[in-house]
Amino acid sequence: MENFSIQYINQIPYKLKSPFDLSFIEKYGEVFKVYDDQDSGNICFGVKDGDERYFIKFAGAPTERYAGKPEEAIVDLKSAVQVYQDLAHPHLIRLIRTEEVGGGFAAIFEWTDGACMGKMYPLSRERFLQMPDNTRFEVFADILDFHIHVIKQGYVAIDFYDGSILYDFDKEETLICDIDLYSKRPYINTMGRMWGSSRFMSPEEFTRGAEIDEVTNVYGMGATAFALFGGEKDRSMEKWRLSKELYEVALKAVSDEREMRQQSLAEFKYDWNRTRIVRR
């Protein structure tokens, strides 16, 4: 088992591969949460400064699960800043500012109290999945609208999965986070299996040389529908919570054959909304 270093900030423990001074994070406020279990190369903090709270994403520390070097994580986070700026949207977490600090690079975001749908946060996920279907419909509509915006901005979504989906129950607000790997089109898969959760990934995201485009993102939105309303990877009708007609719209989107899917997110949205209205 790999050795790691346990450190503390404001009496909160976190793991790194080796010791690293992160005390500078406290200049942003009082640390109340540490996220050290990421494989992105970033370590993240929730901090409170008076009435304001922030989410700090920092690259440059030797995080436990990252396979690369801290310098590579810094380059990746700096690249991601442009993505957040280009794709700014009411349903995307808001980037406030960035800076070189502590021998690395920090991105400061607005904090959200959203419950995360991701499996890595079981209590949060349980609350998320207790939402009534009407609320899930609204969440799905927000996710879909954000990704239509992504396409309009000349980007394609990469590494989108349930861990990217947040819902603030107090504000009744959907938020998307962790879009660091979204990329400008055209985008070609140069690695074979790409980043992401296999539950949300299309066949072309496993195929070196395949184009990753809007039709790829149609698959991702279909997989999201099955995560919200069905059995995720079990895409049988028995696990589906909604009508047979909506099931068929989602099933078409996750076809392994690209030409069988809806050919745009707008087409998918039209089919979904038309079918839902007809069934009311």
C-alpha atoms as a PDB file:
ATOM      1  CA  MET A   1       0.000   0.000   0.000  1.00  0.00           C
ATOM      2  CA  GLU A   2       1.342   3.421  -0.966  1.00  0.00           C
ATOM      3  CA  ASN A   3       2.532   5.608   1.885  1.00  0.00           C
ATOM      4  CA  PHE A   4       0.914   8.984   2.327  1.00  0.00           C
ATOM      5  CA  SER A   5       1.188  11.949   4.630  1.00  0.00           C
ATOM      6  CA  ILE A   6      -1.659  12.976   6.949  1.00  0.00           C
ATOM      7  CA  GLN A   7      -1.770  16.722   7.519  1.00  0.00           C
ATOM      8  CA  TYR A   8      -4.238  19.060   9.197  1.00  0.00           C
ATOM      9  CA  ILE A   9      -5.673  22.472   8.413  1.00  0.00           C
ATOM     10  CA  ASN A  10      -7.960  24.034  10.993  1.00  0.00           C
ATOM     11  CA  GLN A  11      -7.966  20.581  12.700  1.00  0.00           C
ATOM     12  CA  ILE A  12      -9.344  18.937   9.521  1.00  0.00           C
ATOM     13  CA  PRO A  13      -7.238  15.977   8.303  1.00  0.00           C
ATOM     14  CA  TYR A  14      -6.279  15.433   4.673  1.00  0.00           C
ATOM     15  CA  LYS A  15      -3.960  13.075   2.785  1.00  0.00           C
ATOM     16  CA  LEU A  16      -1.076  13.888   0.450  1.00  0.00           C
ATOM     17  CA  LYS A  17       1.679  11.722  -1.037  1.00  0.00           C
ATOM     18  CA  SER A  18       4.246  13.800   0.829  1.00  0.00           C
ATOM     19  CA  PRO A  19       4.221  16.834   3.152  1.00  0.00           C
ATOM     20  CA  PHE A  20       3.270  20.173   1.579  1.00  0.00           C
ATOM     21  CA  ASP A  21       2.563  23.504   3.265  1.00  0.00           C
ATOM     22  CA  LEU A  22      -1.034  24.492   2.529  1.00  0.00           C
ATOM     23  CA  SER A  23      -1.404  26.940   5.412  1.00  0.00           C
ATOM     24  CA  PHE A  24      -1.715  29.810   2.906  1.00  0.00           C
ATOM     25  CA  ILE A  25      -5.263  28.594   2.131  1.00  0.00           C
ATOM     26  CA  GLU A  26      -6.352  30.197   5.399  1.00  0.00           C
ATOM     27  CA  LYS A  27      -5.752  33.644   3.890  1.00  0.00           C
ATOM     28  CA  TYR A  28      -9.016  33.094   1.994  1.00  0.00           C
ATOM     29  CA  GLY A  29     -10.918  32.417   5.212  1.00  0.00           C
ATOM     30  CA  GLU A  30     -11.573  29.706   7.785  1.00  0.00           C
ATOM     31  CA  VAL A  31     -11.346  26.227   6.260  1.00  0.00           C
ATOM     32  CA  PHE A  32     -14.416  24.100   7.022  1.00  0.00           C
ATOM     33  CA  LYS A  33     -14.086  21.350   4.398  1.00  0.00           C
ATOM     34  CA  VAL A  34     -11.260  19.587   2.556  1.00  0.00           C
ATOM     35  CA  TYR A  35     -11.675  17.454  -0.587  1.00  0.00           C
ATOM     36  CA  ASP A  36      -8.483  15.410  -0.884  1.00  0.00           C
ATOM     37  CA  ASP A  37      -9.778  12.327  -2.710  1.00  0.00           C
ATOM     38  CA  GLN A  38      -9.664  13.685  -6.258  1.00  0.00           C
ATOM     39  CA  ASP A  39      -7.725  12.091  -9.125  1.00  0.00           C
ATOM     40  CA  SER A  40      -7.437  15.407 -11.010  1.00  0.00           C
ATOM     41  CA  GLY A  41      -4.300  16.574  -9.221  1.00  0.00           C
ATOM     42  CA  ASN A  42      -6.246  19.278  -7.384  1.00  0.00           C
ATOM     43  CA  ILE A  43      -6.988  19.503  -3.677  1.00  0.00           C
ATOM     44  CA  CYS A  44     -10.069  21.560  -2.838  1.00  0.00           C
ATOM     45  CA  PHE A  45     -11.249  23.521   0.192  1.00  0.00           C
ATOM     46  CA  GLY A  46     -14.422  25.092   1.491  1.00  0.00           C
ATOM     47  CA  VAL A  47     -13.579  28.346   3.295  1.00  0.00           C
ATOM     48  CA  LYS A  48     -15.651  30.925   5.137  1.00  0.00           C
ATOM     49  CA  ASP A  49     -14.727  34.618   5.263  1.00  0.00           C
ATOM     50  CA  GLY A  50     -17.318  36.474   7.333  1.00  0.00           C
ATOM     51  CA  ASP A  51     -20.656  35.895   5.623  1.00  0.00           C
ATOM     52  CA  GLU A  52     -19.006  34.769   2.382  1.00  0.00           C
ATOM     53  CA  ARG A  53     -18.020  31.203   1.539  1.00  0.00           C
ATOM     54  CA  TYR A  54     -15.754  30.044  -1.260  1.00  0.00           C
ATOM     55  CA  PHE A  55     -14.638  26.844  -2.962  1.00  0.00           C
ATOM     56  CA  ILE A  56     -10.880  26.866  -3.557  1.00  0.00           C
ATOM     57  CA  LYS A  57      -9.376  24.516  -6.126  1.00  0.00           C
ATOM     58  CA  PHE A  58      -5.586  24.303  -5.789  1.00  0.00           C
ATOM     59  CA  ALA A  59      -3.024  22.605  -8.049  1.00  0.00           C
ATOM     60  CA  GLY A  60       0.595  22.157  -7.043  1.00  0.00           C
ATOM     61  CA  ALA A  61       0.405  19.834  -4.043  1.00  0.00           C
ATOM     62  CA  PRO A  62       1.305  16.113  -4.336  1.00  0.00           C
ATOM     63  CA  THR A  63      -2.265  14.787  -4.070  1.00  0.00           C
ATOM     64  CA  GLU A  64      -2.634  11.125  -3.167  1.00  0.00           C
ATOM     65  CA  ARG A  65      -4.619   9.805  -6.151  1.00  0.00           C
ATOM     66  CA  TYR A  66      -3.041  11.839  -8.977  1.00  0.00           C
ATOM     67  CA  ALA A  67      -0.799   9.845 -11.303  1.00  0.00           C
ATOM     68  CA  GLY A  68       0.940  12.872 -12.811  1.00  0.00           C
ATOM     69  CA  LYS A  69       3.304  15.514 -11.469  1.00  0.00           C
ATOM     70  CA  PRO A  70       2.088  18.619  -9.584  1.00  0.00           C
ATOM     71  CA  GLU A  71       3.430  20.823 -12.400  1.00  0.00           C
ATOM     72  CA  GLU A  72       1.139  19.008 -14.849  1.00  0.00           C
ATOM     73  CA  ALA A  73      -1.852  19.585 -12.561  1.00  0.00           C
ATOM     74  CA  ILE A  74      -1.015  23.305 -12.527  1.00  0.00           C
ATOM     75  CA  VAL A  75      -1.000  23.441 -16.333  1.00  0.00           C
ATOM     76  CA  ASP A  76      -4.335  21.593 -16.454  1.00  0.00           C
ATOM     77  CA  LEU A  77      -6.024  23.894 -13.943  1.00  0.00           C
ATOM     78  CA  LYS A  78      -4.762  27.005 -15.737  1.00  0.00           C
ATOM     79  CA  SER A  79      -6.193  25.616 -18.991  1.00  0.00           C
ATOM     80  CA  ALA A  80      -9.524  24.952 -17.273  1.00  0.00           C
ATOM     81  CA  VAL A  81      -9.879  28.620 -16.289  1.00  0.00           C
ATOM     82  CA  GLN A  82     -10.570  29.586 -19.906  1.00  0.00           C
ATOM     83  CA  VAL A  83     -13.243  26.880 -20.098  1.00  0.00           C
ATOM     84  CA  TYR A  84     -15.128  28.290 -17.089  1.00  0.00           C
ATOM     85  CA  GLN A  85     -14.881  31.800 -18.544  1.00  0.00           C
ATOM     86  CA  ASP A  86     -16.068  30.756 -22.011  1.00  0.00           C
ATOM     87  CA  LEU A  87     -18.935  28.626 -20.685  1.00  0.00           C
ATOM     88  CA  ALA A  88     -20.187  30.975 -17.938  1.00  0.00           C
ATOM     89  CA  HIS A  89     -23.890  30.220 -17.418  1.00  0.00           C
ATOM     90  CA  PRO A  90     -26.538  30.450 -14.656  1.00  0.00           C
ATOM     91  CA  HIS A  91     -26.242  26.674 -14.131  1.00  0.00           C
ATOM     92  CA  LEU A  92     -22.428  26.578 -13.963  1.00  0.00           C
ATOM     93  CA  ILE A  93     -20.586  27.230 -10.692  1.00  0.00           C
ATOM     94  CA  ARG A  94     -19.165  30.755 -10.846  1.00  0.00           C
ATOM     95  CA  LEU A  95     -15.434  31.321 -11.095  1.00  0.00           C
ATOM     96  CA  ILE A  96     -14.528  34.465  -9.133  1.00  0.00           C
ATOM     97  CA  ARG A  97     -10.787  34.791  -9.706  1.00  0.00           C
ATOM     98  CA  THR A  98      -7.487  32.896  -9.980  1.00  0.00           C
ATOM     99  CA  GLU A  99      -3.962  33.463  -8.727  1.00  0.00           C
ATOM    100  CA  GLU A 100      -0.471  32.035  -8.445  1.00  0.00           C
ATOM    101  CA  VAL A 101      -0.039  31.206  -4.763  1.00  0.00           C
ATOM    102  CA  GLY A 102       1.743  28.796  -2.406  1.00  0.00           C
ATOM    103  CA  GLY A 103       4.002  27.418  -5.120  1.00  0.00           C
ATOM    104  CA  GLY A 104       1.022  26.479  -7.252  1.00  0.00           C
ATOM    105  CA  PHE A 105      -2.184  27.850  -8.739  1.00  0.00           C
ATOM    106  CA  ALA A 106      -5.593  28.479  -7.127  1.00  0.00           C
ATOM    107  CA  ALA A 107      -9.016  28.991  -8.677  1.00  0.00           C
ATOM    108  CA  ILE A 108     -11.566  30.600  -6.367  1.00  0.00           C
ATOM    109  CA  PHE A 109     -15.229  29.748  -6.968  1.00  0.00           C
ATOM    110  CA  GLU A 110     -18.485  30.776  -5.368  1.00  0.00           C
ATOM    111  CA  TRP A 111     -19.534  28.174  -2.775  1.00  0.00           C
ATOM    112  CA  THR A 112     -22.731  26.190  -3.208  1.00  0.00           C
ATOM    113  CA  ASP A 113     -24.631  24.091  -0.672  1.00  0.00           C
ATOM    114  CA  GLY A 114     -25.812  21.813  -3.448  1.00  0.00           C
ATOM    115  CA  ALA A 115     -26.268  18.098  -2.858  1.00  0.00           C
ATOM    116  CA  CYS A 116     -24.114  16.122  -5.301  1.00  0.00           C
ATOM    117  CA  MET A 117     -25.546  13.223  -7.270  1.00  0.00           C
ATOM    118  CA  GLY A 118     -22.171  11.477  -7.458  1.00  0.00           C
ATOM    119  CA  LYS A 119     -21.693   8.015  -5.977  1.00  0.00           C
ATOM    120  CA  MET A 120     -18.596   9.210  -4.117  1.00  0.00           C
ATOM    121  CA  TYR A 121     -20.871  11.196  -1.764  1.00  0.00           C
ATOM    122  CA  PRO A 122     -23.407   8.578  -0.587  1.00  0.00           C
ATOM    123  CA  LEU A 123     -25.366  10.764   1.867  1.00  0.00           C
ATOM    124  CA  SER A 124     -25.604  13.635  -0.586  1.00  0.00           C
ATOM    125  CA  ARG A 125     -26.555  11.219  -3.384  1.00  0.00           C
ATOM    126  CA  GLU A 126     -29.271   9.653  -1.243  1.00  0.00           C
ATOM    127  CA  ARG A 127     -30.845  13.062  -0.636  1.00  0.00           C
ATOM    128  CA  PHE A 128     -30.552  13.903  -4.329  1.00  0.00           C
ATOM    129  CA  LEU A 129     -32.284  10.689  -5.385  1.00  0.00           C
ATOM    130  CA  GLN A 130     -35.152  11.275  -2.969  1.00  0.00           C
ATOM    131  CA  MET A 131     -36.272  14.245  -5.071  1.00  0.00           C
ATOM    132  CA  PRO A 132     -39.735  13.907  -6.647  1.00  0.00           C
ATOM    133  CA  ASP A 133     -39.867  13.293 -10.386  1.00  0.00           C
ATOM    134  CA  ASN A 134     -41.102  16.830 -11.100  1.00  0.00           C
ATOM    135  CA  THR A 135     -37.938  18.240  -9.511  1.00  0.00           C
ATOM    136  CA  ARG A 136     -35.824  15.726 -11.418  1.00  0.00           C
ATOM    137  CA  PHE A 137     -37.475  16.912 -14.640  1.00  0.00           C
ATOM    138  CA  GLU A 138     -36.399  20.467 -13.818  1.00  0.00           C
ATOM    139  CA  VAL A 139     -32.854  19.349 -12.995  1.00  0.00           C
ATOM    140  CA  PHE A 140     -32.635  17.420 -16.251  1.00  0.00           C
ATOM    141  CA  ALA A 141     -33.951  20.411 -18.230  1.00  0.00           C
ATOM    142  CA  ASP A 142     -31.263  22.611 -16.635  1.00  0.00           C
ATOM    143  CA  ILE A 143     -28.510  20.087 -17.435  1.00  0.00           C
ATOM    144  CA  LEU A 144     -29.712  19.827 -21.016  1.00  0.00           C
ATOM    145  CA  ASP A 145     -29.941  23.602 -21.478  1.00  0.00           C
ATOM    146  CA  PHE A 146     -26.421  24.048 -20.136  1.00  0.00           C
ATOM    147  CA  HIS A 147     -25.050  21.503 -22.599  1.00  0.00           C
ATOM    148  CA  ILE A 148     -26.887  23.117 -25.505  1.00  0.00           C
ATOM    149  CA  HIS A 149     -25.088  26.303 -24.419  1.00  0.00           C
ATOM    150  CA  VAL A 150     -21.783  24.353 -24.397  1.00  0.00           C
ATOM    151  CA  ILE A 151     -22.335  23.321 -28.018  1.00  0.00           C
ATOM    152  CA  LYS A 152     -23.332  26.864 -29.063  1.00  0.00           C
ATOM    153  CA  GLN A 153     -20.048  28.133 -27.583  1.00  0.00           C
ATOM    154  CA  GLY A 154     -18.107  25.756 -29.827  1.00  0.00           C
ATOM    155  CA  TYR A 155     -17.251  23.249 -27.082  1.00  0.00           C
ATOM    156  CA  VAL A 156     -17.959  19.589 -26.411  1.00  0.00           C
ATOM    157  CA  ALA A 157     -18.572  18.082 -22.956  1.00  0.00           C
ATOM    158  CA  ILE A 158     -15.926  15.613 -21.785  1.00  0.00           C
ATOM    159  CA  ASP A 159     -15.941  13.757 -18.441  1.00  0.00           C
ATOM    160  CA  PHE A 160     -19.508  14.768 -17.542  1.00  0.00           C
ATOM    161  CA  TYR A 161     -21.107  12.370 -15.036  1.00  0.00           C
ATOM    162  CA  ASP A 162     -23.318  12.384 -11.930  1.00  0.00           C
ATOM    163  CA  GLY A 163     -20.476  13.779  -9.816  1.00  0.00           C
ATOM    164  CA  SER A 164     -20.780  16.979 -11.884  1.00  0.00           C
ATOM    165  CA  ILE A 165     -24.441  17.515 -10.917  1.00  0.00           C
ATOM    166  CA  LEU A 166     -25.424  19.572  -7.858  1.00  0.00           C
ATOM    167  CA  TYR A 167     -28.824  20.654  -6.553  1.00  0.00           C
ATOM    168  CA  ASP A 168     -29.306  23.370  -3.936  1.00  0.00           C
ATOM    169  CA  PHE A 169     -32.559  22.480  -2.168  1.00  0.00           C
ATOM    170  CA  ASP A 170     -32.871  25.871  -0.459  1.00  0.00           C
ATOM    171  CA  LYS A 171     -32.482  27.866  -3.667  1.00  0.00           C
ATOM    172  CA  GLU A 172     -34.110  25.176  -5.844  1.00  0.00           C
ATOM    173  CA  GLU A 173     -31.168  25.558  -8.184  1.00  0.00           C
ATOM    174  CA  THR A 174     -29.247  23.131 -10.410  1.00  0.00           C
ATOM    175  CA  LEU A 175     -25.510  23.672 -10.767  1.00  0.00           C
ATOM    176  CA  ILE A 176     -22.866  21.965 -12.883  1.00  0.00           C
ATOM    177  CA  CYS A 177     -19.296  21.670 -11.593  1.00  0.00           C
ATOM    178  CA  ASP A 178     -16.033  20.044 -12.718  1.00  0.00           C
ATOM    179  CA  ILE A 179     -16.096  20.968 -16.400  1.00  0.00           C
ATOM    180  CA  ASP A 180     -12.293  21.240 -16.487  1.00  0.00           C
ATOM    181  CA  LEU A 181     -11.935  18.813 -19.424  1.00  0.00           C
ATOM    182  CA  TYR A 182     -14.625  20.308 -21.692  1.00  0.00           C
ATOM    183  CA  SER A 183     -12.838  21.155 -24.941  1.00  0.00           C
ATOM    184  CA  LYS A 184     -13.234  23.190 -28.086  1.00  0.00           C
ATOM    185  CA  ARG A 185     -14.454  21.359 -31.169  1.00  0.00           C
ATOM    186  CA  PRO A 186     -13.354  19.613 -33.267  1.00  0.00           C
ATOM    187  CA  TYR A 187     -12.007  17.097 -30.755  1.00  0.00           C
ATOM    188  CA  ILE A 188     -10.520  13.702 -31.612  1.00  0.00           C
ATOM    189  CA  ASN A 189     -10.068  10.857 -29.125  1.00  0.00           C
ATOM    190  CA  THR A 190      -6.304  10.292 -29.126  1.00  0.00           C
ATOM    191  CA  MET A 191      -6.123   7.988 -26.080  1.00  0.00           C
ATOM    192  CA  GLY A 192      -8.612   5.132 -26.419  1.00  0.00           C
ATOM    193  CA  ARG A 193     -10.540   5.044 -23.141  1.00  0.00           C
ATOM    194  CA  MET A 194     -11.044   8.677 -22.238  1.00  0.00           C
ATOM    195  CA  TRP A 195     -11.633  10.276 -18.839  1.00  0.00           C
ATOM    196  CA  GLY A 196     -14.984   9.763 -17.190  1.00  0.00           C
ATOM    197  CA  SER A 197     -17.426   7.302 -15.694  1.00  0.00           C
ATOM    198  CA  SER A 198     -18.220   4.403 -18.026  1.00  0.00           C
ATOM    199  CA  ARG A 199     -21.891   4.769 -17.017  1.00  0.00           C
ATOM    200  CA  PHE A 200     -22.022   8.008 -19.028  1.00  0.00           C
ATOM    201  CA  MET A 201     -19.560   7.301 -21.838  1.00  0.00           C
ATOM    202  CA  SER A 202     -20.379   6.597 -25.476  1.00  0.00           C
ATOM    203  CA  PRO A 203     -18.562   3.964 -27.571  1.00  0.00           C
ATOM    204  CA  GLU A 204     -16.539   6.676 -29.304  1.00  0.00           C
ATOM    205  CA  GLU A 205     -15.099   7.701 -25.923  1.00  0.00           C
ATOM    206  CA  PHE A 206     -13.420   4.284 -25.865  1.00  0.00           C
ATOM    207  CA  THR A 207     -12.264   4.401 -29.510  1.00  0.00           C
ATOM    208  CA  ARG A 208      -8.967   5.968 -30.483  1.00  0.00           C
ATOM    209  CA  GLY A 209      -9.378   8.214 -33.535  1.00  0.00           C
ATOM    210  CA  ALA A 210     -13.122   8.773 -33.037  1.00  0.00           C
ATOM    211  CA  GLU A 211     -14.530  12.285 -33.178  1.00  0.00           C
ATOM    212  CA  ILE A 212     -16.057  13.512 -29.901  1.00  0.00           C
ATOM    213  CA  ASP A 213     -18.887  15.835 -30.867  1.00  0.00           C
ATOM    214  CA  GLU A 214     -22.485  16.855 -30.262  1.00  0.00           C
ATOM    215  CA  VAL A 215     -23.781  13.368 -31.078  1.00  0.00           C
ATOM    216  CA  THR A 216     -21.419  12.076 -28.382  1.00  0.00           C
ATOM    217  CA  ASN A 217     -23.024  14.520 -25.959  1.00  0.00           C
ATOM    218  CA  VAL A 218     -26.490  13.274 -26.978  1.00  0.00           C
ATOM    219  CA  TYR A 219     -25.384   9.898 -25.617  1.00  0.00           C
ATOM    220  CA  GLY A 220     -24.243  11.573 -22.406  1.00  0.00           C
ATOM    221  CA  MET A 221     -27.622  13.263 -21.942  1.00  0.00           C
ATOM    222  CA  GLY A 222     -29.421   9.974 -22.597  1.00  0.00           C
ATOM    223  CA  ALA A 223     -27.223   8.302 -19.977  1.00  0.00           C
ATOM    224  CA  THR A 224     -28.060  11.153 -17.589  1.00  0.00           C
ATOM    225  CA  ALA A 225     -31.775  10.492 -18.151  1.00  0.00           C
ATOM    226  CA  PHE A 226     -31.231   6.845 -17.185  1.00  0.00           C
ATOM    227  CA  ALA A 227     -29.289   7.952 -14.098  1.00  0.00           C
ATOM    228  CA  LEU A 228     -32.135  10.255 -13.029  1.00  0.00           C
ATOM    229  CA  PHE A 229     -35.160   8.189 -14.065  1.00  0.00           C
ATOM    230  CA  GLY A 230     -33.955   4.616 -14.601  1.00  0.00           C
ATOM    231  CA  GLY A 231     -31.423   2.022 -13.563  1.00  0.00           C
ATOM    232  CA  GLU A 232     -28.299   3.785 -14.850  1.00  0.00           C
ATOM    233  CA  LYS A 233     -26.393   1.035 -16.714  1.00  0.00           C
ATOM    234  CA  ASP A 234     -29.443  -1.241 -16.397  1.00  0.00           C
ATOM    235  CA  ARG A 235     -31.449   0.376 -19.167  1.00  0.00           C
ATOM    236  CA  SER A 236     -34.369  -2.011 -19.019  1.00  0.00           C
ATOM    237  CA  MET A 237     -37.942  -0.725 -19.051  1.00  0.00           C
ATOM    238  CA  GLU A 238     -38.471  -2.415 -15.668  1.00  0.00           C
ATOM    239  CA  LYS A 239     -36.104   0.071 -14.000  1.00  0.00           C
ATOM    240  CA  TRP A 240     -37.602   3.115 -15.771  1.00  0.00           C
ATOM    241  CA  ARG A 241     -39.770   5.455 -13.641  1.00  0.00           C
ATOM    242  CA  LEU A 242     -41.534   7.316 -16.458  1.00  0.00           C
ATOM    243  CA  SER A 243     -43.611   6.585 -19.559  1.00  0.00           C
ATOM    244  CA  LYS A 244     -42.682   4.070 -22.243  1.00  0.00           C
ATOM    245  CA  GLU A 245     -42.541   6.935 -24.771  1.00  0.00           C
ATOM    246  CA  LEU A 246     -39.948   8.876 -22.735  1.00  0.00           C
ATOM    247  CA  TYR A 247     -38.039   5.637 -22.221  1.00  0.00           C
ATOM    248  CA  GLU A 248     -37.789   5.242 -25.992  1.00  0.00           C
ATOM    249  CA  VAL A 249     -36.464   8.810 -26.396  1.00  0.00           C
ATOM    250  CA  ALA A 250     -33.730   8.134 -23.827  1.00  0.00           C
ATOM    251  CA  LEU A 251     -32.966   4.687 -25.251  1.00  0.00           C
ATOM    252  CA  LYS A 252     -32.507   6.158 -28.747  1.00  0.00           C
ATOM    253  CA  ALA A 253     -29.990   8.662 -27.331  1.00  0.00           C
ATOM    254  CA  VAL A 254     -27.796   5.897 -25.874  1.00  0.00           C
ATOM    255  CA  SER A 255     -27.658   3.800 -29.022  1.00  0.00           C
ATOM    256  CA  ASP A 256     -24.192   2.379 -29.687  1.00  0.00           C
ATOM    257  CA  GLU A 257     -24.728   3.335 -33.330  1.00  0.00           C
ATOM    258  CA  ARG A 258     -24.170   7.095 -33.682  1.00  0.00           C
ATOM    259  CA  GLU A 259     -26.500   7.418 -36.650  1.00  0.00           C
ATOM    260  CA  MET A 260     -29.350   5.933 -34.614  1.00  0.00           C
ATOM    261  CA  ARG A 261     -29.190   8.660 -31.942  1.00  0.00           C
ATOM    262  CA  GLN A 262     -30.795  12.080 -32.133  1.00  0.00           C
ATOM    263  CA  GLN A 263     -28.322  14.094 -34.190  1.00  0.00           C
ATOM    264  CA  SER A 264     -28.251  17.175 -31.951  1.00  0.00           C
ATOM    265  CA  LEU A 265     -29.029  18.139 -28.374  1.00  0.00           C
ATOM    266  CA  ALA A 266     -31.772  20.425 -29.685  1.00  0.00           C
ATOM    267  CA  GLU A 267     -33.394  17.437 -31.406  1.00  0.00           C
ATOM    268  CA  PHE A 268     -33.092  15.385 -28.223  1.00  0.00           C
ATOM    269  CA  LYS A 269     -34.670  18.223 -26.190  1.00  0.00           C
ATOM    270  CA  TYR A 270     -37.500  18.574 -28.713  1.00  0.00           C
ATOM    271  CA  ASP A 271     -38.248  14.835 -28.643  1.00  0.00           C
ATOM    272  CA  TRP A 272     -38.090  14.709 -24.838  1.00  0.00           C
ATOM    273  CA  ASN A 273     -40.300  17.762 -24.259  1.00  0.00           C
ATOM    274  CA  ARG A 274     -42.836  16.858 -26.945  1.00  0.00           C
ATOM    275  CA  THR A 275     -43.189  13.333 -25.579  1.00  0.00           C
ATOM    276  CA  ARG A 276     -43.480  14.561 -21.995  1.00  0.00           C
ATOM    277  CA  ILE A 277     -46.196  17.118 -22.907  1.00  0.00           C
ATOM    278  CA  VAL A 278     -48.162  14.535 -24.866  1.00  0.00           C
ATOM    279  CA  ARG A 279     -48.134  12.215 -21.842  1.00  0.00           C
ATOM    280  CA  ARG A 280     -49.415  14.782 -19.316  1.00  0.00           C
END
